[in-house]
């Protein structure tokens, strides 16, 4: 059994993938429009010891702290990894955490490499410090 955590998973979601996944999953068009509106012209500031600097645009990633973000992320992860999930003994997805199970450690390692390759092609990265065998 292998527990995988993705580094800064919400921050790395390409929004173009989000829009395609919502359409592919047959999410109602009016809901997609509302979600796109939430992400259009997103800006933020980072407080430093010198105060608040100018705003800057955020064009990638899901909103931190939004109750909708975990749901959107699971839809994206399911779509990106659906083809490799089918070959699994079983896997469990919860937000940015993944559990892979196989009968042998070698089997888990092979599946981990398959997941790593698939996710890295889409801009995600497995956290080496938070990924653990059990």
C-alpha atoms as a PDB file:
ATOM      1  CA  UNK A   1       0.000   0.000   0.000  1.00  0.00           C
ATOM      2  CA  UNK A   2       1.359   3.411  -0.958  1.00  0.00           C
ATOM      3  CA  UNK A   3       0.065   6.769   0.243  1.00  0.00           C
ATOM      4  CA  UNK A   4       0.814   9.542  -2.256  1.00  0.00           C
ATOM      5  CA  UNK A   5       0.515  13.271  -1.698  1.00  0.00           C
ATOM      6  CA  UNK A   6       0.754  15.764  -4.549  1.00  0.00           C
ATOM      7  CA  UNK A   7       2.863  18.910  -4.046  1.00  0.00           C
ATOM      8  CA  UNK A   8       0.828  22.100  -4.231  1.00  0.00           C
ATOM      9  CA  UNK A   9      -1.817  20.166  -6.128  1.00  0.00           C
ATOM     10  CA  UNK A  10      -4.513  22.855  -6.177  1.00  0.00           C
ATOM     11  CA  UNK A  11      -1.995  25.509  -7.219  1.00  0.00           C
ATOM     12  CA  UNK A  12      -0.898  23.510 -10.280  1.00  0.00           C
ATOM     13  CA  UNK A  13      -4.269  22.788 -11.921  1.00  0.00           C
ATOM     14  CA  UNK A  14      -4.320  24.173 -15.474  1.00  0.00           C
ATOM     15  CA  UNK A  15      -7.684  25.884 -15.849  1.00  0.00           C
ATOM     16  CA  UNK A  16      -8.018  24.783 -19.478  1.00  0.00           C
ATOM     17  CA  UNK A  17      -8.095  21.203 -18.183  1.00  0.00           C
ATOM     18  CA  UNK A  18     -10.722  22.186 -15.611  1.00  0.00           C
ATOM     19  CA  UNK A  19     -13.061  23.578 -18.286  1.00  0.00           C
ATOM     20  CA  UNK A  20     -12.623  20.502 -20.516  1.00  0.00           C
ATOM     21  CA  UNK A  21     -13.237  18.097 -17.628  1.00  0.00           C
ATOM     22  CA  UNK A  22     -16.406  19.900 -16.548  1.00  0.00           C
ATOM     23  CA  UNK A  23     -17.746  19.681 -20.100  1.00  0.00           C
ATOM     24  CA  UNK A  24     -16.714  16.031 -20.476  1.00  0.00           C
ATOM     25  CA  UNK A  25     -18.388  15.132 -17.161  1.00  0.00           C
ATOM     26  CA  UNK A  26     -21.598  16.760 -18.506  1.00  0.00           C
ATOM     27  CA  UNK A  27     -21.758  19.451 -15.831  1.00  0.00           C
ATOM     28  CA  UNK A  28     -24.648  21.799 -16.565  1.00  0.00           C
ATOM     29  CA  UNK A  29     -23.523  24.684 -18.790  1.00  0.00           C
ATOM     30  CA  UNK A  30     -24.943  27.292 -16.393  1.00  0.00           C
ATOM     31  CA  UNK A  31     -22.817  25.809 -13.574  1.00  0.00           C
ATOM     32  CA  UNK A  32     -19.715  25.916 -15.776  1.00  0.00           C
ATOM     33  CA  UNK A  33     -20.410  29.584 -16.548  1.00  0.00           C
ATOM     34  CA  UNK A  34     -20.699  30.357 -12.819  1.00  0.00           C
ATOM     35  CA  UNK A  35     -17.461  28.508 -12.034  1.00  0.00           C
ATOM     36  CA  UNK A  36     -15.637  30.272 -14.896  1.00  0.00           C
ATOM     37  CA  UNK A  37     -16.914  33.587 -13.548  1.00  0.00           C
ATOM     38  CA  UNK A  38     -15.423  32.734 -10.128  1.00  0.00           C
ATOM     39  CA  UNK A  39     -12.021  32.227 -11.774  1.00  0.00           C
ATOM     40  CA  UNK A  40     -12.084  35.109 -14.254  1.00  0.00           C
ATOM     41  CA  UNK A  41      -9.851  38.034 -13.280  1.00  0.00           C
ATOM     42  CA  UNK A  42      -8.652  36.347 -10.063  1.00  0.00           C
ATOM     43  CA  UNK A  43      -6.106  38.499  -8.256  1.00  0.00           C
ATOM     44  CA  UNK A  44      -4.262  38.335  -4.954  1.00  0.00           C
ATOM     45  CA  UNK A  45      -1.673  40.092  -2.827  1.00  0.00           C
ATOM     46  CA  UNK A  46       0.969  38.709  -0.510  1.00  0.00           C
ATOM     47  CA  UNK A  47       1.493  40.547   2.753  1.00  0.00           C
ATOM     48  CA  UNK A  48       5.168  41.133   3.564  1.00  0.00           C
ATOM     49  CA  UNK A  49       7.042  43.049   6.239  1.00  0.00           C
ATOM     50  CA  UNK A  50       6.862  46.059   3.892  1.00  0.00           C
ATOM     51  CA  UNK A  51       3.069  45.956   3.659  1.00  0.00           C
ATOM     52  CA  UNK A  52       0.848  44.951   0.772  1.00  0.00           C
ATOM     53  CA  UNK A  53       2.332  45.162  -2.734  1.00  0.00           C
ATOM     54  CA  UNK A  54       0.388  45.543  -5.966  1.00  0.00           C
ATOM     55  CA  UNK A  55      -2.168  42.901  -6.860  1.00  0.00           C
ATOM     56  CA  UNK A  56      -1.162  40.232  -9.338  1.00  0.00           C
ATOM     57  CA  UNK A  57      -3.284  37.957 -11.512  1.00  0.00           C
ATOM     58  CA  UNK A  58      -3.756  34.266 -10.848  1.00  0.00           C
ATOM     59  CA  UNK A  59      -4.263  32.338 -14.078  1.00  0.00           C
ATOM     60  CA  UNK A  60      -3.633  28.779 -12.895  1.00  0.00           C
ATOM     61  CA  UNK A  61      -4.850  26.682  -9.982  1.00  0.00           C
ATOM     62  CA  UNK A  62      -7.942  26.243  -7.871  1.00  0.00           C
ATOM     63  CA  UNK A  63      -9.028  28.650  -5.146  1.00  0.00           C
ATOM     64  CA  UNK A  64      -7.575  27.824  -1.730  1.00  0.00           C
ATOM     65  CA  UNK A  65     -10.209  27.450   0.991  1.00  0.00           C
ATOM     66  CA  UNK A  66     -13.150  27.117  -1.384  1.00  0.00           C
ATOM     67  CA  UNK A  67     -15.530  24.275  -0.574  1.00  0.00           C
ATOM     68  CA  UNK A  68     -15.855  23.659  -4.314  1.00  0.00           C
ATOM     69  CA  UNK A  69     -12.119  23.138  -4.917  1.00  0.00           C
ATOM     70  CA  UNK A  70     -11.804  19.566  -3.539  1.00  0.00           C
ATOM     71  CA  UNK A  71     -14.718  18.448  -5.709  1.00  0.00           C
ATOM     72  CA  UNK A  72     -13.243  20.102  -8.814  1.00  0.00           C
ATOM     73  CA  UNK A  73      -9.852  18.581  -8.088  1.00  0.00           C
ATOM     74  CA  UNK A  74     -11.245  15.049  -7.740  1.00  0.00           C
ATOM     75  CA  UNK A  75     -13.076  15.443 -11.071  1.00  0.00           C
ATOM     76  CA  UNK A  76      -9.811  16.504 -12.716  1.00  0.00           C
ATOM     77  CA  UNK A  77      -7.749  13.759 -11.080  1.00  0.00           C
ATOM     78  CA  UNK A  78     -10.318  11.125 -12.027  1.00  0.00           C
ATOM     79  CA  UNK A  79     -10.265  12.256 -15.646  1.00  0.00           C
ATOM     80  CA  UNK A  80      -6.467  12.456 -15.883  1.00  0.00           C
ATOM     81  CA  UNK A  81      -5.900   9.060 -14.289  1.00  0.00           C
ATOM     82  CA  UNK A  82      -8.959   7.067 -15.355  1.00  0.00           C
ATOM     83  CA  UNK A  83      -6.977   4.929 -17.792  1.00  0.00           C
ATOM     84  CA  UNK A  84      -4.438   3.890 -15.153  1.00  0.00           C
ATOM     85  CA  UNK A  85      -7.037   3.390 -12.414  1.00  0.00           C
ATOM     86  CA  UNK A  86      -8.551   0.551 -14.452  1.00  0.00           C
ATOM     87  CA  UNK A  87      -5.322  -1.463 -14.225  1.00  0.00           C
ATOM     88  CA  UNK A  88      -5.159  -1.106 -10.422  1.00  0.00           C
ATOM     89  CA  UNK A  89      -5.944  -3.761  -7.863  1.00  0.00           C
ATOM     90  CA  UNK A  90      -7.628  -0.727  -6.324  1.00  0.00           C
ATOM     91  CA  UNK A  91      -6.893   2.902  -5.598  1.00  0.00           C
ATOM     92  CA  UNK A  92      -8.492   5.553  -3.439  1.00  0.00           C
ATOM     93  CA  UNK A  93      -8.644   9.258  -4.273  1.00  0.00           C
ATOM     94  CA  UNK A  94      -9.424  11.923  -1.692  1.00  0.00           C
ATOM     95  CA  UNK A  95      -8.672  15.509  -2.676  1.00  0.00           C
ATOM     96  CA  UNK A  96      -4.909  15.560  -3.399  1.00  0.00           C
ATOM     97  CA  UNK A  97      -4.222  12.305  -1.540  1.00  0.00           C
ATOM     98  CA  UNK A  98      -3.978   8.979  -3.366  1.00  0.00           C
ATOM     99  CA  UNK A  99      -3.714   5.447  -1.993  1.00  0.00           C
ATOM    100  CA  UNK A 100      -2.437   2.706  -4.320  1.00  0.00           C
ATOM    101  CA  UNK A 101      -2.809  -0.949  -3.389  1.00  0.00           C
ATOM    102  CA  UNK A 102      -1.283  -4.021  -4.974  1.00  0.00           C
ATOM    103  CA  UNK A 103      -0.402  -7.516  -3.814  1.00  0.00           C
ATOM    104  CA  UNK A 104       3.359  -6.851  -3.895  1.00  0.00           C
ATOM    105  CA  UNK A 105       5.692  -3.930  -3.244  1.00  0.00           C
ATOM    106  CA  UNK A 106       7.004  -4.292  -6.806  1.00  0.00           C
ATOM    107  CA  UNK A 107       3.446  -3.986  -8.103  1.00  0.00           C
ATOM    108  CA  UNK A 108       2.889  -0.840  -6.055  1.00  0.00           C
ATOM    109  CA  UNK A 109       6.198   0.597  -7.322  1.00  0.00           C
ATOM    110  CA  UNK A 110       5.211  -0.047 -10.939  1.00  0.00           C
ATOM    111  CA  UNK A 111       1.829   1.583 -10.404  1.00  0.00           C
ATOM    112  CA  UNK A 112       3.449   4.539  -8.644  1.00  0.00           C
ATOM    113  CA  UNK A 113       5.709   5.112 -11.652  1.00  0.00           C
ATOM    114  CA  UNK A 114       2.710   4.959 -13.967  1.00  0.00           C
ATOM    115  CA  UNK A 115       0.859   7.547 -11.843  1.00  0.00           C
ATOM    116  CA  UNK A 116       3.949   9.732 -11.528  1.00  0.00           C
ATOM    117  CA  UNK A 117       4.509   9.774 -15.282  1.00  0.00           C
ATOM    118  CA  UNK A 118       0.871  10.525 -16.066  1.00  0.00           C
ATOM    119  CA  UNK A 119       0.564  13.308 -13.495  1.00  0.00           C
ATOM    120  CA  UNK A 120       3.917  14.938 -14.270  1.00  0.00           C
ATOM    121  CA  UNK A 121       2.932  15.215 -17.949  1.00  0.00           C
ATOM    122  CA  UNK A 122       0.040  17.414 -16.771  1.00  0.00           C
ATOM    123  CA  UNK A 123       2.176  19.580 -14.480  1.00  0.00           C
ATOM    124  CA  UNK A 124       1.653  17.827 -11.132  1.00  0.00           C
ATOM    125  CA  UNK A 125       4.415  16.541  -8.862  1.00  0.00           C
ATOM    126  CA  UNK A 126       4.432  13.766  -6.252  1.00  0.00           C
ATOM    127  CA  UNK A 127       5.673  14.883  -2.837  1.00  0.00           C
ATOM    128  CA  UNK A 128       8.664  12.710  -1.978  1.00  0.00           C
ATOM    129  CA  UNK A 129       8.567  13.761   1.678  1.00  0.00           C
ATOM    130  CA  UNK A 130       4.866  12.966   2.183  1.00  0.00           C
ATOM    131  CA  UNK A 131       4.653   9.763   0.109  1.00  0.00           C
ATOM    132  CA  UNK A 132       4.837   6.681   2.349  1.00  0.00           C
ATOM    133  CA  UNK A 133       4.677   2.888   2.108  1.00  0.00           C
ATOM    134  CA  UNK A 134       2.696   0.878   4.595  1.00  0.00           C
END
